[in-house]
C-alpha atoms as a PDB file:
ATOM      1  CA  UNK A   1      -9.298  -7.687 -13.805  1.00  0.00           C
ATOM      2  CA  UNK A   2      -6.626  -9.108 -16.047  1.00  0.00           C
ATOM      3  CA  UNK A   3      -3.400  -7.167 -16.617  1.00  0.00           C
ATOM      4  CA  UNK A   4      -1.746  -7.700 -19.974  1.00  0.00           C
ATOM      5  CA  UNK A   5       2.021  -7.588 -20.549  1.00  0.00           C
ATOM      6  CA  UNK A   6       3.502  -4.178 -21.436  1.00  0.00           C
ATOM      7  CA  UNK A   7       3.477  -3.142 -25.079  1.00  0.00           C
ATOM      8  CA  UNK A   8       5.446  -0.439 -26.868  1.00  0.00           C
ATOM      9  CA  UNK A   9       3.201   2.187 -28.451  1.00  0.00           C
ATOM     10  CA  UNK A  10       5.980   3.929 -30.368  1.00  0.00           C
ATOM     11  CA  UNK A  11       6.461   6.632 -27.733  1.00  0.00           C
ATOM     12  CA  UNK A  12       9.447   5.039 -26.085  1.00  0.00           C
ATOM     13  CA  UNK A  13       7.482   4.183 -22.958  1.00  0.00           C
ATOM     14  CA  UNK A  14       5.658   1.076 -21.957  1.00  0.00           C
ATOM     15  CA  UNK A  15       2.033   0.770 -20.925  1.00  0.00           C
ATOM     16  CA  UNK A  16      -0.331  -1.973 -19.867  1.00  0.00           C
ATOM     17  CA  UNK A  17      -3.914  -2.306 -20.909  1.00  0.00           C
ATOM     18  CA  UNK A  18      -6.158  -3.729 -18.225  1.00  0.00           C
ATOM     19  CA  UNK A  19      -9.620  -5.184 -18.549  1.00  0.00           C
ATOM     20  CA  UNK A  20     -12.402  -3.049 -17.105  1.00  0.00           C
ATOM     21  CA  UNK A  21     -13.181  -3.819 -13.470  1.00  0.00           C
ATOM     22  CA  UNK A  22     -11.631  -3.675 -10.023  1.00  0.00           C
ATOM     23  CA  UNK A  23      -9.208  -5.864  -8.125  1.00  0.00           C
ATOM     24  CA  UNK A  24      -7.520  -5.951  -4.728  1.00  0.00           C
ATOM     25  CA  UNK A  25      -4.333  -7.960  -4.407  1.00  0.00           C
ATOM     26  CA  UNK A  26      -2.270  -8.391  -1.267  1.00  0.00           C
ATOM     27  CA  UNK A  27       1.243  -9.742  -0.957  1.00  0.00           C
ATOM     28  CA  UNK A  28       3.304 -10.512   2.102  1.00  0.00           C
ATOM     29  CA  UNK A  29       5.943  -7.852   2.708  1.00  0.00           C
ATOM     30  CA  UNK A  30       8.688  -7.913   5.361  1.00  0.00           C
ATOM     31  CA  UNK A  31       6.715  -5.605   7.661  1.00  0.00           C
ATOM     32  CA  UNK A  32       3.205  -6.917   6.966  1.00  0.00           C
ATOM     33  CA  UNK A  33       0.641  -7.070   4.195  1.00  0.00           C
ATOM     34  CA  UNK A  34       1.136  -4.819   1.183  1.00  0.00           C
ATOM     35  CA  UNK A  35      -2.111  -4.270  -0.705  1.00  0.00           C
ATOM     36  CA  UNK A  36      -2.917  -2.881  -4.152  1.00  0.00           C
ATOM     37  CA  UNK A  37      -6.411  -1.767  -5.172  1.00  0.00           C
ATOM     38  CA  UNK A  38      -6.887  -0.997  -8.867  1.00  0.00           C
ATOM     39  CA  UNK A  39     -10.009   0.206 -10.668  1.00  0.00           C
ATOM     40  CA  UNK A  40      -9.776   0.202 -14.456  1.00  0.00           C
ATOM     41  CA  UNK A  41     -12.066   1.367 -17.237  1.00  0.00           C
ATOM     42  CA  UNK A  42     -10.211  -0.683 -19.852  1.00  0.00           C
ATOM     43  CA  UNK A  43      -7.775   1.987 -21.038  1.00  0.00           C
ATOM     44  CA  UNK A  44      -4.009   2.096 -20.598  1.00  0.00           C
ATOM     45  CA  UNK A  45      -4.325   4.246 -17.462  1.00  0.00           C
ATOM     46  CA  UNK A  46      -6.268   2.893 -14.476  1.00  0.00           C
ATOM     47  CA  UNK A  47      -9.120   5.003 -13.144  1.00  0.00           C
ATOM     48  CA  UNK A  48      -7.858   4.602  -9.568  1.00  0.00           C
ATOM     49  CA  UNK A  49      -4.827   3.002  -7.905  1.00  0.00           C
ATOM     50  CA  UNK A  50      -4.446   2.793  -4.128  1.00  0.00           C
ATOM     51  CA  UNK A  51      -1.503   1.227  -2.337  1.00  0.00           C
ATOM     52  CA  UNK A  52      -2.017   0.141   1.265  1.00  0.00           C
ATOM     53  CA  UNK A  53       1.404   0.050   2.935  1.00  0.00           C
ATOM     54  CA  UNK A  54       1.993  -2.276   5.892  1.00  0.00           C
ATOM     55  CA  UNK A  55       3.185   0.515   8.202  1.00  0.00           C
ATOM     56  CA  UNK A  56      -0.138   2.308   7.989  1.00  0.00           C
ATOM     57  CA  UNK A  57      -2.011  -0.782   9.152  1.00  0.00           C
ATOM     58  CA  UNK A  58       0.533  -1.477  11.906  1.00  0.00           C
ATOM     59  CA  UNK A  59       0.152   2.097  13.143  1.00  0.00           C
ATOM     60  CA  UNK A  60      -3.512   1.432  13.920  1.00  0.00           C
ATOM     61  CA  UNK A  61      -2.418  -1.026  16.633  1.00  0.00           C
ATOM     62  CA  UNK A  62      -0.614   1.724  18.558  1.00  0.00           C
ATOM     63  CA  UNK A  63      -3.813   2.835  20.293  1.00  0.00           C
ATOM     64  CA  UNK A  64      -4.158  -0.526  22.046  1.00  0.00           C
ATOM     65  CA  UNK A  65      -0.423  -0.860  22.703  1.00  0.00           C
ATOM     66  CA  UNK A  66       0.042   2.471  24.498  1.00  0.00           C
ATOM     67  CA  UNK A  67      -3.187   2.734  26.531  1.00  0.00           C
ATOM     68  CA  UNK A  68      -2.427   2.858  30.253  1.00  0.00           C
ATOM     69  CA  UNK A  69       1.315   3.386  29.844  1.00  0.00           C
ATOM     70  CA  UNK A  70       3.396   6.336  30.955  1.00  0.00           C
ATOM     71  CA  UNK A  71       4.788   8.811  28.431  1.00  0.00           C
ATOM     72  CA  UNK A  72       8.271   7.341  28.845  1.00  0.00           C
ATOM     73  CA  UNK A  73       6.859   3.911  28.006  1.00  0.00           C
ATOM     74  CA  UNK A  74       5.135   5.287  24.908  1.00  0.00           C
ATOM     75  CA  UNK A  75       8.446   6.667  23.656  1.00  0.00           C
ATOM     76  CA  UNK A  76      10.036   3.230  24.126  1.00  0.00           C
ATOM     77  CA  UNK A  77       7.136   1.513  22.321  1.00  0.00           C
ATOM     78  CA  UNK A  78       7.471   3.852  19.350  1.00  0.00           C
ATOM     79  CA  UNK A  79      11.250   3.367  19.293  1.00  0.00           C
ATOM     80  CA  UNK A  80      10.838  -0.426  19.204  1.00  0.00           C
ATOM     81  CA  UNK A  81       8.389  -0.298  16.332  1.00  0.00           C
ATOM     82  CA  UNK A  82       9.629  -1.031  12.846  1.00  0.00           C
ATOM     83  CA  UNK A  83       7.371   1.458  11.127  1.00  0.00           C
ATOM     84  CA  UNK A  84       8.505   3.343   8.081  1.00  0.00           C
ATOM     85  CA  UNK A  85       7.180   6.817   8.863  1.00  0.00           C
ATOM     86  CA  UNK A  86       7.476   7.911   5.225  1.00  0.00           C
ATOM     87  CA  UNK A  87       4.792   5.352   4.351  1.00  0.00           C
ATOM     88  CA  UNK A  88       2.505   6.631   7.069  1.00  0.00           C
ATOM     89  CA  UNK A  89       2.814  10.314   6.115  1.00  0.00           C
ATOM     90  CA  UNK A  90       0.378  10.509   3.204  1.00  0.00           C
END
């Protein structure tokens, strides 16, 4: 999928027309991989856009990190994590 530069359609806002298709693009963020999945039908508005935040992926590792630990240890593990809980709460 190719994304074209924004154009002004006389409504004061900007929009981008994208070629029909789907694409996944990942970039390195400070807390992990930030991914974008876009499905377009060729119009100015994509059919679907999903953003995969790094904190959500890092949260999946908690199961292995806390197995076999005491509750007090689990609290310390969560406190040491650098998760952004607003990203996880979707």
